[in-house]
Amino acid sequence: MQTFQADLAIVGAGGAGLRAAIAAAQANPNAKIALISKVYPMRSHTVAAEGGSAAVAQDHDSFEYHFHDTVAGGDWLCEQDVVDYFVHHCPTEMTQLELWGAHGAVARMVASTYVASAA
């Protein structure tokens, strides 16, 4: 069995796990951080999500539409307080991704939440 020593282990390598690893590295640059995933990284949830990630980015979008789309996509099993926090912080996180150089990804991810909600 192969072993690995780390100061912090993060279970899940989707968007949330990656963002947690970034925050941990910013808080403690010398920490050895391990991301643990049971699936191949390109199969992690954020990458495999239907329609990718989205944020309220256009005048006709709303946090309410994004909230509804997210909760409905989770068959109403989501922790709604967490979803509310998530949708209100998505625009800031998408801007951060762009500042880190993910320009093409952000252009694809910052999409209207209205279209899916109105359907």
PDB file of N, CA and C in Angstrom:
ATOM      1  N   MET A   1       0.837  -1.169   0.000  1.00  0.00           N
ATOM      2  CA  MET A   1       0.000   0.000   0.000  1.00  0.00           C
ATOM      3  C   MET A   1       0.889   1.242   0.000  1.00  0.00           C
ATOM      4  N   GLN A   2       0.536   2.184  -0.840  1.00  0.00           N
ATOM      5  CA  GLN A   2       1.269   3.435  -0.916  1.00  0.00           C
ATOM      6  C   GLN A   2       0.715   4.400   0.136  1.00  0.00           C
ATOM      7  N   THR A   3       1.601   5.102   0.826  1.00  0.00           N
ATOM      8  CA  THR A   3       1.169   6.088   1.820  1.00  0.00           C
ATOM      9  C   THR A   3       1.698   7.459   1.434  1.00  0.00           C
ATOM     10  N   PHE A   4       1.055   8.474   1.974  1.00  0.00           N
ATOM     11  CA  PHE A   4       1.419   9.853   1.676  1.00  0.00           C
ATOM     12  C   PHE A   4       1.194  10.668   2.934  1.00  0.00           C
ATOM     13  N   GLN A   5       2.165  11.442   3.334  1.00  0.00           N
ATOM     14  CA  GLN A   5       2.042  12.300   4.520  1.00  0.00           C
ATOM     15  C   GLN A   5       1.588  13.683   4.082  1.00  0.00           C
ATOM     16  N   ALA A   6       0.569  14.211   4.771  1.00  0.00           N
ATOM     17  CA  ALA A   6       0.072  15.551   4.456  1.00  0.00           C
ATOM     18  C   ALA A   6      -0.337  16.249   5.743  1.00  0.00           C
ATOM     19  N   ASP A   7      -0.317  17.566   5.692  1.00  0.00           N
ATOM     20  CA  ASP A   7      -0.801  18.360   6.821  1.00  0.00           C
ATOM     21  C   ASP A   7      -2.317  18.477   6.797  1.00  0.00           C
ATOM     22  N   LEU A   8      -2.889  18.397   5.604  1.00  0.00           N
ATOM     23  CA  LEU A   8      -4.332  18.534   5.432  1.00  0.00           C
ATOM     24  C   LEU A   8      -4.781  17.628   4.303  1.00  0.00           C
ATOM     25  N   ALA A   9      -5.849  16.884   4.531  1.00  0.00           N
ATOM     26  CA  ALA A   9      -6.446  16.056   3.485  1.00  0.00           C
ATOM     27  C   ALA A   9      -7.836  16.596   3.181  1.00  0.00           C
ATOM     28  N   ILE A  10      -8.088  16.863   1.919  1.00  0.00           N
ATOM     29  CA  ILE A  10      -9.393  17.346   1.477  1.00  0.00           C
ATOM     30  C   ILE A  10     -10.014  16.242   0.639  1.00  0.00           C
ATOM     31  N   VAL A  11     -11.185  15.782   1.061  1.00  0.00           N
ATOM     32  CA  VAL A  11     -11.878  14.717   0.347  1.00  0.00           C
ATOM     33  C   VAL A  11     -12.805  15.360  -0.680  1.00  0.00           C
ATOM     34  N   GLY A  12     -12.550  15.047  -1.937  1.00  0.00           N
ATOM     35  CA  GLY A  12     -13.318  15.615  -3.033  1.00  0.00           C
ATOM     36  C   GLY A  12     -12.457  16.572  -3.825  1.00  0.00           C
ATOM     37  N   ALA A  13     -12.387  16.356  -5.131  1.00  0.00           N
ATOM     38  CA  ALA A  13     -11.531  17.186  -5.982  1.00  0.00           C
ATOM     39  C   ALA A  13     -12.333  17.950  -7.025  1.00  0.00           C
ATOM     40  N   GLY A  14     -13.611  18.150  -6.734  1.00  0.00           N
ATOM     41  CA  GLY A  14     -14.430  19.002  -7.594  1.00  0.00           C
ATOM     42  C   GLY A  14     -14.136  20.457  -7.277  1.00  0.00           C
ATOM     43  N   GLY A  15     -15.000  21.335  -7.700  1.00  0.00           N
ATOM     44  CA  GLY A  15     -14.795  22.764  -7.490  1.00  0.00           C
ATOM     45  C   GLY A  15     -14.635  23.140  -6.036  1.00  0.00           C
ATOM     46  N   ALA A  16     -15.470  22.578  -5.165  1.00  0.00           N
ATOM     47  CA  ALA A  16     -15.389  22.915  -3.739  1.00  0.00           C
ATOM     48  C   ALA A  16     -14.085  22.421  -3.128  1.00  0.00           C
ATOM     49  N   GLY A  17     -13.683  21.201  -3.477  1.00  0.00           N
ATOM     50  CA  GLY A  17     -12.431  20.675  -2.950  1.00  0.00           C
ATOM     51  C   GLY A  17     -11.232  21.469  -3.428  1.00  0.00           C
ATOM     52  N   LEU A  18     -11.236  21.808  -4.714  1.00  0.00           N
ATOM     53  CA  LEU A  18     -10.135  22.606  -5.256  1.00  0.00           C
ATOM     54  C   LEU A  18     -10.085  23.986  -4.618  1.00  0.00           C
ATOM     55  N   ARG A  19     -11.249  24.591  -4.424  1.00  0.00           N
ATOM     56  CA  ARG A  19     -11.292  25.926  -3.809  1.00  0.00           C
ATOM     57  C   ARG A  19     -10.836  25.855  -2.358  1.00  0.00           C
ATOM     58  N   ALA A  20     -11.205  24.788  -1.650  1.00  0.00           N
ATOM     59  CA  ALA A  20     -10.748  24.608  -0.271  1.00  0.00           C
ATOM     60  C   ALA A  20      -9.233  24.458  -0.225  1.00  0.00           C
ATOM     61  N   ALA A  21      -8.672  23.734  -1.186  1.00  0.00           N
ATOM     62  CA  ALA A  21      -7.218  23.561  -1.241  1.00  0.00           C
ATOM     63  C   ALA A  21      -6.517  24.893  -1.505  1.00  0.00           C
ATOM     64  N   ILE A  22      -7.085  25.698  -2.380  1.00  0.00           N
ATOM     65  CA  ILE A  22      -6.502  27.013  -2.658  1.00  0.00           C
ATOM     66  C   ILE A  22      -6.523  27.876  -1.406  1.00  0.00           C
ATOM     67  N   ALA A  23      -7.672  27.912  -0.717  1.00  0.00           N
ATOM     68  CA  ALA A  23      -7.789  28.722   0.504  1.00  0.00           C
ATOM     69  C   ALA A  23      -6.814  28.237   1.570  1.00  0.00           C
ATOM     70  N   ALA A  24      -6.680  26.916   1.711  1.00  0.00           N
ATOM     71  CA  ALA A  24      -5.749  26.366   2.697  1.00  0.00           C
ATOM     72  C   ALA A  24      -4.307  26.735   2.350  1.00  0.00           C
ATOM     73  N   ALA A  25      -3.961  26.659   1.071  1.00  0.00           N
ATOM     74  CA  ALA A  25      -2.602  27.008   0.638  1.00  0.00           C
ATOM     75  C   ALA A  25      -2.321  28.495   0.835  1.00  0.00           C
ATOM     76  N   GLN A  26      -3.334  29.330   0.626  1.00  0.00           N
ATOM     77  CA  GLN A  26      -3.151  30.766   0.852  1.00  0.00           C
ATOM     78  C   GLN A  26      -2.956  31.057   2.336  1.00  0.00           C
ATOM     79  N   ALA A  27      -3.690  30.335   3.182  1.00  0.00           N
ATOM     80  CA  ALA A  27      -3.590  30.553   4.628  1.00  0.00           C
ATOM     81  C   ALA A  27      -2.288  30.010   5.199  1.00  0.00           C
ATOM     82  N   ASN A  28      -1.770  28.935   4.609  1.00  0.00           N
ATOM     83  CA  ASN A  28      -0.544  28.316   5.098  1.00  0.00           C
ATOM     84  C   ASN A  28       0.266  27.817   3.900  1.00  0.00           C
ATOM     85  N   PRO A  29       1.065  28.683   3.297  1.00  0.00           N
ATOM     86  CA  PRO A  29       1.797  28.325   2.084  1.00  0.00           C
ATOM     87  C   PRO A  29       2.747  27.135   2.230  1.00  0.00           C
ATOM     88  N   ASN A  30       3.154  26.805   3.433  1.00  0.00           N
ATOM     89  CA  ASN A  30       4.081  25.689   3.626  1.00  0.00           C
ATOM     90  C   ASN A  30       3.382  24.361   3.889  1.00  0.00           C
ATOM     91  N   ALA A  31       2.067  24.375   3.943  1.00  0.00           N
ATOM     92  CA  ALA A  31       1.325  23.143   4.227  1.00  0.00           C
ATOM     93  C   ALA A  31       1.384  22.194   3.035  1.00  0.00           C
ATOM     94  N   LYS A  32       1.466  20.913   3.349  1.00  0.00           N
ATOM     95  CA  LYS A  32       1.383  19.880   2.322  1.00  0.00           C
ATOM     96  C   LYS A  32      -0.083  19.444   2.295  1.00  0.00           C
ATOM     97  N   ILE A  33      -0.758  19.698   1.179  1.00  0.00           N
ATOM     98  CA  ILE A  33      -2.195  19.478   1.065  1.00  0.00           C
ATOM     99  C   ILE A  33      -2.454  18.336   0.093  1.00  0.00           C
ATOM    100  N   ALA A  34      -3.294  17.398   0.517  1.00  0.00           N
ATOM    101  CA  ALA A  34      -3.659  16.265  -0.332  1.00  0.00           C
ATOM    102  C   ALA A  34      -5.128  16.379  -0.728  1.00  0.00           C
ATOM    103  N   LEU A  35      -5.397  16.293  -2.020  1.00  0.00           N
ATOM    104  CA  LEU A  35      -6.766  16.209  -2.530  1.00  0.00           C
ATOM    105  C   LEU A  35      -7.056  14.741  -2.800  1.00  0.00           C
ATOM    106  N   ILE A  36      -8.124  14.246  -2.229  1.00  0.00           N
ATOM    107  CA  ILE A  36      -8.462  12.830  -2.369  1.00  0.00           C
ATOM    108  C   ILE A  36      -9.777  12.717  -3.134  1.00  0.00           C
ATOM    109  N   SER A  37      -9.771  11.923  -4.192  1.00  0.00           N
ATOM    110  CA  SER A  37     -10.972  11.726  -4.992  1.00  0.00           C
ATOM    111  C   SER A  37     -11.108  10.257  -5.334  1.00  0.00           C
ATOM    112  N   LYS A  38     -12.321   9.764  -5.291  1.00  0.00           N
ATOM    113  CA  LYS A  38     -12.529   8.364  -5.656  1.00  0.00           C
ATOM    114  C   LYS A  38     -12.682   8.187  -7.162  1.00  0.00           C
ATOM    115  N   VAL A  39     -12.761   9.316  -7.876  1.00  0.00           N
ATOM    116  CA  VAL A  39     -12.896   9.257  -9.327  1.00  0.00           C
ATOM    117  C   VAL A  39     -11.760  10.035  -9.981  1.00  0.00           C
ATOM    118  N   TYR A  40     -11.544   9.767 -11.256  1.00  0.00           N
ATOM    119  CA  TYR A  40     -10.547  10.490 -12.042  1.00  0.00           C
ATOM    120  C   TYR A  40     -10.877  11.984 -11.985  1.00  0.00           C
ATOM    121  N   PRO A  41      -9.883  12.864 -11.842  1.00  0.00           N
ATOM    122  CA  PRO A  41     -10.164  14.297 -11.668  1.00  0.00           C
ATOM    123  C   PRO A  41     -11.124  14.895 -12.692  1.00  0.00           C
ATOM    124  N   MET A  42     -11.049  14.510 -13.944  1.00  0.00           N
ATOM    125  CA  MET A  42     -11.952  15.085 -14.945  1.00  0.00           C
ATOM    126  C   MET A  42     -13.370  14.533 -14.833  1.00  0.00           C
ATOM    127  N   ARG A  43     -13.611  13.654 -13.878  1.00  0.00           N
ATOM    128  CA  ARG A  43     -14.956  13.133 -13.632  1.00  0.00           C
ATOM    129  C   ARG A  43     -15.544  13.699 -12.345  1.00  0.00           C
ATOM    130  N   SER A  44     -14.789  14.561 -11.669  1.00  0.00           N
ATOM    131  CA  SER A  44     -15.296  15.162 -10.438  1.00  0.00           C
ATOM    132  C   SER A  44     -16.545  15.972 -10.751  1.00  0.00           C
ATOM    133  N   HIS A  45     -17.391  16.144  -9.765  1.00  0.00           N
ATOM    134  CA  HIS A  45     -18.727  16.677 -10.008  1.00  0.00           C
ATOM    135  C   HIS A  45     -18.754  17.995 -10.766  1.00  0.00           C
ATOM    136  N   THR A  46     -17.949  18.953 -10.391  1.00  0.00           N
ATOM    137  CA  THR A  46     -18.024  20.261 -11.038  1.00  0.00           C
ATOM    138  C   THR A  46     -17.762  20.154 -12.532  1.00  0.00           C
ATOM    139  N   VAL A  47     -16.802  19.346 -12.916  1.00  0.00           N
ATOM    140  CA  VAL A  47     -16.474  19.179 -14.332  1.00  0.00           C
ATOM    141  C   VAL A  47     -17.594  18.446 -15.057  1.00  0.00           C
ATOM    142  N   ALA A  48     -18.212  17.481 -14.380  1.00  0.00           N
ATOM    143  CA  ALA A  48     -19.246  16.663 -15.004  1.00  0.00           C
ATOM    144  C   ALA A  48     -20.644  17.255 -14.859  1.00  0.00           C
ATOM    145  N   ALA A  49     -20.777  18.378 -14.173  1.00  0.00           N
ATOM    146  CA  ALA A  49     -22.097  18.959 -13.913  1.00  0.00           C
ATOM    147  C   ALA A  49     -22.806  19.325 -15.211  1.00  0.00           C
ATOM    148  N   GLU A  50     -24.090  19.088 -15.217  1.00  0.00           N
ATOM    149  CA  GLU A  50     -24.916  19.441 -16.370  1.00  0.00           C
ATOM    150  C   GLU A  50     -24.878  20.949 -16.583  1.00  0.00           C
ATOM    151  N   GLY A  51     -24.396  21.382 -17.715  1.00  0.00           N
ATOM    152  CA  GLY A  51     -24.361  22.808 -18.013  1.00  0.00           C
ATOM    153  C   GLY A  51     -23.217  23.560 -17.361  1.00  0.00           C
ATOM    154  N   GLY A  52     -22.349  22.884 -16.643  1.00  0.00           N
ATOM    155  CA  GLY A  52     -21.226  23.554 -15.994  1.00  0.00           C
ATOM    156  C   GLY A  52     -21.661  24.377 -14.802  1.00  0.00           C
ATOM    157  N   SER A  53     -20.861  25.347 -14.451  1.00  0.00           N
ATOM    158  CA  SER A  53     -21.167  26.234 -13.332  1.00  0.00           C
ATOM    159  C   SER A  53     -21.793  27.505 -13.881  1.00  0.00           C
ATOM    160  N   ALA A  54     -22.535  28.180 -13.030  1.00  0.00           N
ATOM    161  CA  ALA A  54     -23.186  29.413 -13.459  1.00  0.00           C
ATOM    162  C   ALA A  54     -23.176  30.409 -12.316  1.00  0.00           C
ATOM    163  N   ALA A  55     -23.338  31.657 -12.667  1.00  0.00           N
ATOM    164  CA  ALA A  55     -23.447  32.724 -11.674  1.00  0.00           C
ATOM    165  C   ALA A  55     -24.404  33.770 -12.212  1.00  0.00           C
ATOM    166  N   VAL A  56     -25.001  34.522 -11.323  1.00  0.00           N
ATOM    167  CA  VAL A  56     -25.855  35.631 -11.733  1.00  0.00           C
ATOM    168  C   VAL A  56     -24.945  36.674 -12.370  1.00  0.00           C
ATOM    169  N   ALA A  57     -25.089  36.845 -13.687  1.00  0.00           N
ATOM    170  CA  ALA A  57     -24.151  37.696 -14.412  1.00  0.00           C
ATOM    171  C   ALA A  57     -24.821  38.671 -15.367  1.00  0.00           C
ATOM    172  N   GLN A  58     -26.108  38.529 -15.563  1.00  0.00           N
ATOM    173  CA  GLN A  58     -26.802  39.383 -16.521  1.00  0.00           C
ATOM    174  C   GLN A  58     -27.996  40.043 -15.841  1.00  0.00           C
ATOM    175  N   ASP A  59     -28.451  41.150 -16.412  1.00  0.00           N
ATOM    176  CA  ASP A  59     -29.533  41.912 -15.790  1.00  0.00           C
ATOM    177  C   ASP A  59     -30.800  41.093 -15.576  1.00  0.00           C
ATOM    178  N   HIS A  60     -31.104  40.162 -16.482  1.00  0.00           N
ATOM    179  CA  HIS A  60     -32.333  39.384 -16.344  1.00  0.00           C
ATOM    180  C   HIS A  60     -32.165  38.160 -15.442  1.00  0.00           C
ATOM    181  N   ASP A  61     -30.969  37.918 -14.951  1.00  0.00           N
ATOM    182  CA  ASP A  61     -30.736  36.832 -13.995  1.00  0.00           C
ATOM    183  C   ASP A  61     -31.128  37.286 -12.600  1.00  0.00           C
ATOM    184  N   SER A  62     -31.282  36.322 -11.720  1.00  0.00           N
ATOM    185  CA  SER A  62     -31.534  36.668 -10.324  1.00  0.00           C
ATOM    186  C   SER A  62     -31.005  35.554  -9.438  1.00  0.00           C
ATOM    187  N   PHE A  63     -30.728  35.902  -8.198  1.00  0.00           N
ATOM    188  CA  PHE A  63     -30.301  34.896  -7.234  1.00  0.00           C
ATOM    189  C   PHE A  63     -31.413  33.874  -7.023  1.00  0.00           C
ATOM    190  N   GLU A  64     -32.659  34.314  -7.113  1.00  0.00           N
ATOM    191  CA  GLU A  64     -33.789  33.399  -6.936  1.00  0.00           C
ATOM    192  C   GLU A  64     -33.825  32.347  -8.042  1.00  0.00           C
ATOM    193  N   TYR A  65     -33.604  32.766  -9.311  1.00  0.00           N
ATOM    194  CA  TYR A  65     -33.563  31.805 -10.416  1.00  0.00           C
ATOM    195  C   TYR A  65     -32.425  30.809 -10.225  1.00  0.00           C
ATOM    196  N   HIS A  66     -31.246  31.324  -9.882  1.00  0.00           N
ATOM    197  CA  HIS A  66     -30.091  30.448  -9.704  1.00  0.00           C
ATOM    198  C   HIS A  66     -30.338  29.478  -8.550  1.00  0.00           C
ATOM    199  N   PHE A  67     -30.899  29.982  -7.454  1.00  0.00           N
ATOM    200  CA  PHE A  67     -31.235  29.131  -6.310  1.00  0.00           C
ATOM    201  C   PHE A  67     -32.184  28.017  -6.745  1.00  0.00           C
ATOM    202  N   HIS A  68     -33.253  28.376  -7.440  1.00  0.00           N
ATOM    203  CA  HIS A  68     -34.242  27.386  -7.865  1.00  0.00           C
ATOM    204  C   HIS A  68     -33.623  26.351  -8.792  1.00  0.00           C
ATOM    205  N   ASP A  69     -32.845  26.804  -9.775  1.00  0.00           N
ATOM    206  CA  ASP A  69     -32.194  25.876 -10.704  1.00  0.00           C
ATOM    207  C   ASP A  69     -31.295  24.888  -9.972  1.00  0.00           C
ATOM    208  N   THR A  70     -30.549  25.388  -8.998  1.00  0.00           N
ATOM    209  CA  THR A  70     -29.612  24.539  -8.262  1.00  0.00           C
ATOM    210  C   THR A  70     -30.351  23.524  -7.404  1.00  0.00           C
ATOM    211  N   VAL A  71     -31.348  23.975  -6.674  1.00  0.00           N
ATOM    212  CA  VAL A  71     -32.098  23.074  -5.793  1.00  0.00           C
ATOM    213  C   VAL A  71     -32.903  22.073  -6.617  1.00  0.00           C
ATOM    214  N   ALA A  72     -33.529  22.529  -7.690  1.00  0.00           N
ATOM    215  CA  ALA A  72     -34.290  21.620  -8.548  1.00  0.00           C
ATOM    216  C   ALA A  72     -33.366  20.586  -9.188  1.00  0.00           C
ATOM    217  N   GLY A  73     -32.168  21.011  -9.593  1.00  0.00           N
ATOM    218  CA  GLY A  73     -31.200  20.083 -10.170  1.00  0.00           C
ATOM    219  C   GLY A  73     -30.751  19.017  -9.187  1.00  0.00           C
ATOM    220  N   GLY A  74     -30.871  19.314  -7.898  1.00  0.00           N
ATOM    221  CA  GLY A  74     -30.534  18.354  -6.850  1.00  0.00           C
ATOM    222  C   GLY A  74     -31.756  17.626  -6.314  1.00  0.00           C
ATOM    223  N   ASP A  75     -32.841  17.620  -7.099  1.00  0.00           N
ATOM    224  CA  ASP A  75     -34.093  16.953  -6.706  1.00  0.00           C
ATOM    225  C   ASP A  75     -34.594  17.400  -5.342  1.00  0.00           C
ATOM    226  N   TRP A  76     -34.356  18.657  -5.004  1.00  0.00           N
ATOM    227  CA  TRP A  76     -34.814  19.278  -3.752  1.00  0.00           C
ATOM    228  C   TRP A  76     -34.215  18.607  -2.519  1.00  0.00           C
ATOM    229  N   LEU A  77     -33.081  17.923  -2.690  1.00  0.00           N
ATOM    230  CA  LEU A  77     -32.403  17.263  -1.570  1.00  0.00           C
ATOM    231  C   LEU A  77     -31.245  18.103  -1.039  1.00  0.00           C
ATOM    232  N   CYS A  78     -30.981  19.245  -1.659  1.00  0.00           N
ATOM    233  CA  CYS A  78     -29.864  20.107  -1.259  1.00  0.00           C
ATOM    234  C   CYS A  78     -30.160  20.798   0.065  1.00  0.00           C
ATOM    235  N   GLU A  79     -29.103  21.095   0.798  1.00  0.00           N
ATOM    236  CA  GLU A  79     -29.222  21.957   1.984  1.00  0.00           C
ATOM    237  C   GLU A  79     -29.464  23.364   1.462  1.00  0.00           C
ATOM    238  N   GLN A  80     -30.675  23.860   1.612  1.00  0.00           N
ATOM    239  CA  GLN A  80     -31.039  25.113   0.965  1.00  0.00           C
ATOM    240  C   GLN A  80     -30.291  26.317   1.524  1.00  0.00           C
ATOM    241  N   ASP A  81     -29.908  26.299   2.791  1.00  0.00           N
ATOM    242  CA  ASP A  81     -29.086  27.392   3.331  1.00  0.00           C
ATOM    243  C   ASP A  81     -27.725  27.439   2.635  1.00  0.00           C
ATOM    244  N   VAL A  82     -27.177  26.259   2.349  1.00  0.00           N
ATOM    245  CA  VAL A  82     -25.884  26.181   1.666  1.00  0.00           C
ATOM    246  C   VAL A  82     -26.031  26.675   0.224  1.00  0.00           C
ATOM    247  N   VAL A  83     -27.107  26.278  -0.442  1.00  0.00           N
ATOM    248  CA  VAL A  83     -27.342  26.725  -1.817  1.00  0.00           C
ATOM    249  C   VAL A  83     -27.497  28.244  -1.860  1.00  0.00           C
ATOM    250  N   ASP A  84     -28.215  28.812  -0.900  1.00  0.00           N
ATOM    251  CA  ASP A  84     -28.388  30.263  -0.847  1.00  0.00           C
ATOM    252  C   ASP A  84     -27.035  30.962  -0.720  1.00  0.00           C
ATOM    253  N   TYR A  85     -26.193  30.464   0.167  1.00  0.00           N
ATOM    254  CA  TYR A  85     -24.840  31.019   0.325  1.00  0.00           C
ATOM    255  C   TYR A  85     -24.072  30.893  -0.987  1.00  0.00           C
ATOM    256  N   PHE A  86     -24.155  29.704  -1.579  1.00  0.00           N
ATOM    257  CA  PHE A  86     -23.448  29.402  -2.822  1.00  0.00           C
ATOM    258  C   PHE A  86     -23.821  30.383  -3.931  1.00  0.00           C
ATOM    259  N   VAL A  87     -25.119  30.554  -4.198  1.00  0.00           N
ATOM    260  CA  VAL A  87     -25.512  31.395  -5.330  1.00  0.00           C
ATOM    261  C   VAL A  87     -25.154  32.860  -5.103  1.00  0.00           C
ATOM    262  N   HIS A  88     -25.171  33.302  -3.852  1.00  0.00           N
ATOM    263  CA  HIS A  88     -24.824  34.694  -3.580  1.00  0.00           C
ATOM    264  C   HIS A  88     -23.315  34.953  -3.662  1.00  0.00           C
ATOM    265  N   HIS A  89     -22.511  33.902  -3.546  1.00  0.00           N
ATOM    266  CA  HIS A  89     -21.058  34.069  -3.623  1.00  0.00           C
ATOM    267  C   HIS A  89     -20.476  33.671  -4.980  1.00  0.00           C
ATOM    268  N   CYS A  90     -21.263  33.061  -5.845  1.00  0.00           N
ATOM    269  CA  CYS A  90     -20.768  32.640  -7.165  1.00  0.00           C
ATOM    270  C   CYS A  90     -20.195  33.783  -7.999  1.00  0.00           C
ATOM    271  N   PRO A  91     -20.859  34.936  -8.083  1.00  0.00           N
ATOM    272  CA  PRO A  91     -20.269  35.999  -8.915  1.00  0.00           C
ATOM    273  C   PRO A  91     -18.859  36.392  -8.465  1.00  0.00           C
ATOM    274  N   THR A  92     -18.644  36.474  -7.167  1.00  0.00           N
ATOM    275  CA  THR A  92     -17.321  36.823  -6.641  1.00  0.00           C
ATOM    276  C   THR A  92     -16.299  35.746  -6.976  1.00  0.00           C
ATOM    277  N   GLU A  93     -16.687  34.483  -6.817  1.00  0.00           N
ATOM    278  CA  GLU A  93     -15.767  33.376  -7.104  1.00  0.00           C
ATOM    279  C   GLU A  93     -15.450  33.294  -8.593  1.00  0.00           C
ATOM    280  N   MET A  94     -16.426  33.556  -9.449  1.00  0.00           N
ATOM    281  CA  MET A  94     -16.172  33.550 -10.890  1.00  0.00           C
ATOM    282  C   MET A  94     -15.197  34.668 -11.262  1.00  0.00           C
ATOM    283  N   THR A  95     -15.356  35.824 -10.634  1.00  0.00           N
ATOM    284  CA  THR A  95     -14.412  36.924 -10.861  1.00  0.00           C
ATOM    285  C   THR A  95     -13.014  36.520 -10.415  1.00  0.00           C
ATOM    286  N   GLN A  96     -12.920  35.825  -9.283  1.00  0.00           N
ATOM    287  CA  GLN A  96     -11.618  35.368  -8.793  1.00  0.00           C
ATOM    288  C   GLN A  96     -10.979  34.405  -9.781  1.00  0.00           C
ATOM    289  N   LEU A  97     -11.763  33.480 -10.338  1.00  0.00           N
ATOM    290  CA  LEU A  97     -11.230  32.564 -11.348  1.00  0.00           C
ATOM    291  C   LEU A  97     -10.640  33.340 -12.525  1.00  0.00           C
ATOM    292  N   GLU A  98     -11.338  34.379 -12.939  1.00  0.00           N
ATOM    293  CA  GLU A  98     -10.835  35.188 -14.048  1.00  0.00           C
ATOM    294  C   GLU A  98      -9.528  35.886 -13.679  1.00  0.00           C
ATOM    295  N   LEU A  99      -9.448  36.398 -12.455  1.00  0.00           N
ATOM    296  CA  LEU A  99      -8.217  37.045 -11.999  1.00  0.00           C
ATOM    297  C   LEU A  99      -7.053  36.059 -11.944  1.00  0.00           C
ATOM    298  N   TRP A 100      -7.348  34.787 -11.692  1.00  0.00           N
ATOM    299  CA  TRP A 100      -6.312  33.758 -11.666  1.00  0.00           C
ATOM    300  C   TRP A 100      -5.937  33.292 -13.069  1.00  0.00           C
ATOM    301  N   GLY A 101      -6.632  33.799 -14.085  1.00  0.00           N
ATOM    302  CA  GLY A 101      -6.264  33.470 -15.453  1.00  0.00           C
ATOM    303  C   GLY A 101      -7.165  32.485 -16.161  1.00  0.00           C
ATOM    304  N   ALA A 102      -8.282  32.116 -15.582  1.00  0.00           N
ATOM    305  CA  ALA A 102      -9.194  31.152 -16.204  1.00  0.00           C
ATOM    306  C   ALA A 102     -10.205  31.872 -17.089  1.00  0.00           C
ATOM    307  N   HIS A 103      -9.718  32.705 -17.999  1.00  0.00           N
ATOM    308  CA  HIS A 103     -10.605  33.543 -18.813  1.00  0.00           C
ATOM    309  C   HIS A 103     -11.564  32.729 -19.670  1.00  0.00           C
ATOM    310  N   GLY A 104     -11.080  31.740 -20.382  1.00  0.00           N
ATOM    311  CA  GLY A 104     -11.950  30.932 -21.235  1.00  0.00           C
ATOM    312  C   GLY A 104     -12.973  30.158 -20.438  1.00  0.00           C
ATOM    313  N   ALA A 105     -12.557  29.615 -19.299  1.00  0.00           N
ATOM    314  CA  ALA A 105     -13.476  28.852 -18.457  1.00  0.00           C
ATOM    315  C   ALA A 105     -14.568  29.748 -17.911  1.00  0.00           C
ATOM    316  N   VAL A 106     -14.188  30.948 -17.499  1.00  0.00           N
ATOM    317  CA  VAL A 106     -15.175  31.865 -16.934  1.00  0.00           C
ATOM    318  C   VAL A 106     -16.163  32.290 -18.002  1.00  0.00           C
ATOM    319  N   ALA A 107     -15.689  32.536 -19.200  1.00  0.00           N
ATOM    320  CA  ALA A 107     -16.598  32.933 -20.276  1.00  0.00           C
ATOM    321  C   ALA A 107     -17.642  31.855 -20.521  1.00  0.00           C
ATOM    322  N   ARG A 108     -17.254  30.594 -20.387  1.00  0.00           N
ATOM    323  CA  ARG A 108     -18.209  29.503 -20.582  1.00  0.00           C
ATOM    324  C   ARG A 108     -19.085  29.298 -19.361  1.00  0.00           C
ATOM    325  N   MET A 109     -18.536  29.560 -18.162  1.00  0.00           N
ATOM    326  CA  MET A 109     -19.274  29.244 -16.944  1.00  0.00           C
ATOM    327  C   MET A 109     -20.225  30.343 -16.510  1.00  0.00           C
ATOM    328  N   VAL A 110     -19.882  31.589 -16.725  1.00  0.00           N
ATOM    329  CA  VAL A 110     -20.756  32.671 -16.294  1.00  0.00           C
ATOM    330  C   VAL A 110     -21.855  32.784 -17.336  1.00  0.00           C
ATOM    331  N   ALA A 111     -22.897  32.044 -17.096  1.00  0.00           N
ATOM    332  CA  ALA A 111     -23.989  31.951 -18.053  1.00  0.00           C
ATOM    333  C   ALA A 111     -25.290  32.387 -17.405  1.00  0.00           C
ATOM    334  N   SER A 112     -26.227  32.670 -18.227  1.00  0.00           N
ATOM    335  CA  SER A 112     -27.530  33.065 -17.714  1.00  0.00           C
ATOM    336  C   SER A 112     -28.179  31.906 -16.977  1.00  0.00           C
ATOM    337  N   THR A 113     -28.702  32.183 -15.790  1.00  0.00           N
ATOM    338  CA  THR A 113     -29.465  31.174 -15.057  1.00  0.00           C
ATOM    339  C   THR A 113     -30.939  31.278 -15.411  1.00  0.00           C
ATOM    340  N   TYR A 114     -31.308  32.334 -16.111  1.00  0.00           N
ATOM    341  CA  TYR A 114     -32.715  32.588 -16.416  1.00  0.00           C
ATOM    342  C   TYR A 114     -33.283  31.575 -17.396  1.00  0.00           C
ATOM    343  N   VAL A 115     -32.536  31.225 -18.428  1.00  0.00           N
ATOM    344  CA  VAL A 115     -33.039  30.358 -19.485  1.00  0.00           C
ATOM    345  C   VAL A 115     -33.489  29.024 -18.926  1.00  0.00           C
ATOM    346  N   ALA A 116     -32.663  28.399 -18.100  1.00  0.00           N
ATOM    347  CA  ALA A 116     -33.025  27.103 -17.529  1.00  0.00           C
ATOM    348  C   ALA A 116     -34.220  27.241 -16.592  1.00  0.00           C
ATOM    349  N   SER A 117     -34.319  28.345 -15.876  1.00  0.00           N
ATOM    350  CA  SER A 117     -35.415  28.544 -14.937  1.00  0.00           C
ATOM    351  C   SER A 117     -36.732  28.762 -15.646  1.00  0.00           C
ATOM    352  N   ALA A 118     -36.691  29.438 -16.767  1.00  0.00           N
ATOM    353  CA  ALA A 118     -37.922  29.779 -17.464  1.00  0.00           C
ATOM    354  C   ALA A 118     -38.484  28.599 -18.245  1.00  0.00           C
ATOM    355  N   ALA A 119     -37.653  27.612 -18.503  1.00  0.00           N
ATOM    356  CA  ALA A 119     -38.076  26.463 -19.314  1.00  0.00           C
ATOM    357  C   ALA A 119     -39.067  25.591 -18.587  1.00  0.00           C
TER     358      ALA A 119
END
